[in-house]
Amino acid sequence: WQTRSPYAGVSRVPGGAVLHATPGSVWVRRERVPYPVAGRSLADGAALLRDALLDAVRERCAGRQVSADFSGGLDSTSVAFLAAACARPPVTAVTYHQPLAPAGDLPYAIRYAALEPNLSLRVVTGTEHTLPFAGLAGHGGIGPGQDHGADPNPGWLAAERSLARLAVAQRSGATLHLTGEGGDAILLPAPSYLGSLVRHGRPLTLLRHTSGYARLRQAATFDLV
């Protein structure tokens, strides 16, 4: 499914691949997909990820005025702290808080922002208009200028929330905005991998992993199995 889409003649770019487009030609470099390397330890992989993340943030932010999402979670908080070390201060750290359905982000964001003097925390307070799916009724459930189809853009789930956050980033004067979205996709496998453990006949590994998932979600292990 990673290269397919609901539309005839339309393919997706698989994760980790690079799409090259020039006048008259388009091609995908699949060799960039980060497949596992046999024998590489978790410590080795962590060091490689650290170097790649440091280089990526430095190349984009050095000497620039930037803003960044800042939820207080692992992904965006880490990126914002790295940016604060090399961007032109201050880095505008944008935290979204929805009082109608609080996610618990705000206390952590306030706590961690206080640790870095080059971060300037800006809290965007949500309303009824920024709740998930808000405003979609007037767009036919798809979005303005889009045809109805089998695969609505998932960005419309949080469109109003995203606009509110990015408006604050724009007013800060930043020419680049960083986000921590995608960190889970890199560091965590999709839960569907549990099914592959069954297919490959690894019941003990399945039991150990489902037990861990169940504890995180306060669910019964055997229900998940």
Protein backbone atom coordinates (compact mmCIF):
# COMPACT_ATOMS: atom_id res chain seq x y z
CA TRP A 1 0.00 0.00 0.00
CA GLN A 2 2.90 2.41 0.58
CA THR A 3 3.19 3.19 -3.15
CA ARG A 4 -0.55 2.99 -4.00
CA SER A 5 -3.36 5.53 -3.73
CA PRO A 6 -7.16 5.47 -4.16
CA TYR A 7 -6.74 7.18 -7.55
CA ALA A 8 -6.01 5.45 -10.88
CA GLY A 9 -2.65 6.46 -12.30
CA VAL A 10 -1.53 8.14 -9.06
CA SER A 11 1.21 6.67 -6.88
CA ARG A 12 2.55 7.66 -3.48
CA VAL A 13 6.21 8.32 -2.75
CA PRO A 14 7.26 5.64 -0.21
CA GLY A 15 8.65 6.73 3.14
CA GLY A 16 12.31 7.69 3.08
CA ALA A 17 12.50 7.88 -0.72
CA VAL A 18 13.41 11.03 -2.63
CA LEU A 19 11.28 12.43 -5.46
CA HIS A 20 13.19 14.22 -8.23
CA ALA A 21 11.22 16.36 -10.68
CA THR A 22 12.63 18.27 -13.65
CA PRO A 23 10.91 19.59 -16.77
CA GLY A 24 9.76 16.49 -18.61
CA SER A 25 10.76 13.84 -16.07
CA VAL A 26 9.94 12.58 -12.59
CA TRP A 27 11.68 9.73 -10.81
CA VAL A 28 11.97 8.28 -7.30
CA ARG A 29 15.22 7.27 -5.62
CA ARG A 30 14.18 4.32 -3.51
CA GLU A 31 17.70 3.57 -2.28
CA ARG A 32 17.23 6.30 0.31
CA VAL A 33 14.63 4.23 2.16
CA PRO A 34 16.21 3.55 5.60
CA TYR A 35 15.98 -0.22 5.77
CA PRO A 36 17.38 -1.94 8.89
CA VAL A 37 21.08 -2.78 8.83
CA ALA A 38 21.97 -6.24 10.11
CA GLY A 39 24.19 -6.12 13.18
CA ARG A 40 23.66 -2.44 13.96
CA SER A 41 23.00 -1.89 17.65
CA LEU A 42 20.43 0.43 19.17
CA ALA A 43 23.27 2.62 20.49
CA ASP A 44 24.80 2.90 17.01
CA GLY A 45 21.45 3.81 15.51
CA ALA A 46 20.83 6.42 18.20
CA ALA A 47 24.20 8.06 17.49
CA LEU A 48 23.48 8.16 13.76
CA LEU A 49 20.04 9.67 14.36
CA ARG A 50 21.52 12.28 16.69
CA ASP A 51 24.10 13.35 14.10
CA ALA A 52 21.52 13.48 11.32
CA LEU A 53 19.10 15.55 13.40
CA LEU A 54 21.82 17.99 14.54
CA ASP A 55 23.02 18.47 10.97
CA ALA A 56 19.49 18.89 9.59
CA VAL A 57 18.51 21.57 12.11
CA ARG A 58 21.84 23.39 11.81
CA GLU A 59 21.71 23.51 8.00
CA ARG A 60 18.22 24.99 8.05
CA CYS A 61 18.41 27.34 11.02
CA ALA A 62 21.94 28.76 11.35
CA GLY A 63 21.68 32.54 11.57
CA ARG A 64 17.99 32.63 10.58
CA GLN A 65 14.91 33.85 12.39
CA VAL A 66 12.83 30.73 12.99
CA SER A 67 9.78 29.54 14.86
CA ALA A 68 8.94 26.04 16.05
CA ASP A 69 6.10 23.97 17.41
CA PHE A 70 6.59 23.33 21.12
CA SER A 71 4.18 20.82 22.64
CA GLY A 72 6.38 19.80 25.54
CA GLY A 73 6.62 16.31 24.02
CA LEU A 74 9.76 14.58 22.80
CA ASP A 75 9.71 15.47 19.11
CA SER A 76 8.95 19.17 18.75
CA THR A 77 10.65 20.09 22.03
CA SER A 78 13.91 18.45 20.95
CA VAL A 79 13.86 20.20 17.57
CA ALA A 80 13.10 23.58 19.15
CA PHE A 81 15.99 23.25 21.62
CA LEU A 82 18.38 22.36 18.81
CA ALA A 83 17.18 25.37 16.81
CA ALA A 84 17.68 27.65 19.82
CA ALA A 85 21.37 26.72 19.81
CA CYS A 86 22.03 27.93 16.26
CA ALA A 87 19.19 30.20 15.04
CA ARG A 88 18.99 33.96 15.52
CA PRO A 89 17.42 34.46 18.97
CA PRO A 90 14.77 34.27 20.06
CA VAL A 91 13.14 31.18 18.55
CA THR A 92 9.37 31.62 18.78
CA ALA A 93 8.07 28.43 20.43
CA VAL A 94 4.38 27.93 19.60
CA THR A 95 2.26 25.84 21.98
CA TYR A 96 -1.35 25.00 21.19
CA HIS A 97 -3.70 24.61 24.16
CA GLN A 98 -7.35 23.60 23.78
CA PRO A 99 -9.24 24.29 27.05
CA LEU A 100 -12.32 22.42 25.75
CA ALA A 101 -10.30 19.21 25.33
CA PRO A 102 -6.95 19.69 27.08
CA ALA A 103 -4.18 17.32 26.08
CA GLY A 104 -1.97 18.12 29.08
CA ASP A 105 0.73 19.76 26.92
CA LEU A 106 0.75 23.25 28.43
CA PRO A 107 2.40 22.56 31.83
CA TYR A 108 5.25 20.70 30.16
CA ALA A 109 5.73 23.37 27.51
CA ILE A 110 5.92 26.11 30.14
CA ARG A 111 8.34 24.08 32.25
CA TYR A 112 10.73 23.26 29.41
CA ALA A 113 10.62 26.68 27.73
CA ALA A 114 11.91 28.18 30.98
CA LEU A 115 15.08 26.11 30.64
CA GLU A 116 16.23 27.82 27.41
CA PRO A 117 16.65 31.63 27.35
CA ASN A 118 16.70 31.67 23.54
CA LEU A 119 13.11 30.37 23.39
CA SER A 120 10.16 32.77 23.45
CA LEU A 121 7.00 30.83 24.33
CA ARG A 122 3.74 31.78 22.62
CA VAL A 123 0.56 29.96 23.70
CA VAL A 124 -2.24 29.64 21.15
CA THR A 125 -5.52 29.05 22.99
CA GLY A 126 -8.06 27.05 21.04
CA THR A 127 -11.79 27.69 20.78
CA GLU A 128 -14.81 25.86 19.36
CA HIS A 129 -13.64 26.98 15.92
CA THR A 130 -10.32 25.11 16.25
CA LEU A 131 -11.70 21.77 17.45
CA PRO A 132 -11.02 18.76 15.20
CA PHE A 133 -13.15 18.83 12.02
CA ALA A 134 -14.37 22.36 12.80
CA GLY A 135 -15.47 24.23 9.70
CA LEU A 136 -15.70 21.20 7.42
CA ALA A 137 -19.49 21.31 7.02
CA GLY A 138 -19.22 24.31 4.73
CA HIS A 139 -16.62 22.57 2.57
CA GLY A 140 -18.54 19.38 1.87
CA GLY A 141 -16.19 17.47 4.13
CA ILE A 142 -13.27 17.91 1.75
CA GLY A 143 -12.03 21.45 1.52
CA PRO A 144 -12.47 24.51 -0.70
CA GLY A 145 -11.47 23.99 -4.29
CA GLN A 146 -11.22 20.22 -3.93
CA ASP A 147 -13.32 17.57 -5.62
CA HIS A 148 -15.12 14.95 -3.58
CA GLY A 149 -13.14 11.73 -3.60
CA ALA A 150 -12.21 8.58 -1.75
CA ASP A 151 -9.29 10.07 0.15
CA PRO A 152 -9.95 13.46 1.81
CA ASN A 153 -6.84 15.34 2.84
CA PRO A 154 -6.11 14.34 6.47
CA GLY A 155 -4.85 17.86 7.09
CA TRP A 156 -8.43 19.08 7.28
CA LEU A 157 -8.82 17.28 10.59
CA ALA A 158 -6.80 20.04 12.27
CA ALA A 159 -6.91 22.76 9.62
CA GLU A 160 -8.20 25.57 11.87
CA ARG A 161 -5.78 24.64 14.64
CA SER A 162 -2.86 24.65 12.20
CA LEU A 163 -3.86 28.05 10.80
CA ALA A 164 -3.99 29.51 14.31
CA ARG A 165 -0.50 28.20 15.14
CA LEU A 166 1.05 29.30 11.87
CA ALA A 167 -0.47 32.79 12.14
CA VAL A 168 1.47 33.30 15.37
CA ALA A 169 4.63 31.99 13.72
CA GLN A 170 4.15 34.36 10.79
CA ARG A 171 3.65 37.40 13.03
CA SER A 172 6.92 36.60 14.80
CA GLY A 173 8.84 37.47 11.65
CA ALA A 174 10.20 33.95 11.24
CA THR A 175 11.06 32.83 7.71
CA LEU A 176 11.11 29.14 8.67
CA HIS A 177 8.81 27.07 10.89
CA LEU A 178 9.88 23.75 12.38
CA THR A 179 7.56 20.98 13.49
CA GLY A 180 8.10 17.75 15.37
CA GLU A 181 5.47 15.86 13.40
CA GLY A 182 6.79 12.63 11.98
CA GLY A 183 9.00 11.69 14.91
CA ASP A 184 6.76 8.80 15.89
CA ALA A 185 6.74 7.55 12.31
CA ILE A 186 10.54 7.38 12.35
CA LEU A 187 11.08 5.95 15.82
CA LEU A 188 8.06 3.67 16.24
CA PRO A 189 6.76 0.92 13.93
CA ALA A 190 3.10 0.94 12.99
CA PRO A 191 1.13 -1.35 15.34
CA SER A 192 0.29 -3.51 12.32
CA TYR A 193 3.75 -5.08 12.67
CA LEU A 194 2.27 -7.21 15.47
CA GLY A 195 0.43 -9.18 12.81
CA SER A 196 3.72 -9.99 11.09
CA LEU A 197 4.96 -11.58 14.32
CA VAL A 198 2.06 -14.00 14.08
CA ARG A 199 2.74 -14.77 10.42
CA HIS A 200 6.42 -15.43 11.13
CA GLY A 201 5.64 -17.73 14.05
CA ARG A 202 7.08 -15.68 16.91
CA PRO A 203 4.48 -16.05 19.68
CA LEU A 204 6.78 -15.16 22.59
CA THR A 205 7.86 -11.91 20.94
CA LEU A 206 4.21 -11.17 20.13
CA LEU A 207 3.22 -11.70 23.76
CA ARG A 208 6.04 -9.49 25.06
CA HIS A 209 5.29 -6.65 22.65
CA THR A 210 1.51 -6.74 23.06
CA SER A 211 2.01 -6.73 26.82
CA GLY A 212 4.00 -3.52 26.52
CA TYR A 213 1.41 -1.88 24.27
CA ALA A 214 -1.40 -2.99 26.59
CA ARG A 215 0.30 -1.43 29.66
CA LEU A 216 0.66 1.89 27.84
CA ARG A 217 -3.02 1.92 26.93
CA GLN A 218 -4.37 0.32 30.12
CA ALA A 219 -5.86 -2.53 28.10
CA ALA A 220 -5.89 -6.30 28.44
CA THR A 221 -2.95 -8.04 26.76
CA PHE A 222 -4.98 -10.95 25.41
CA ASP A 223 -7.61 -8.63 23.95
CA LEU A 224 -4.84 -6.99 21.92
CA VAL A 225 -3.39 -10.37 20.92
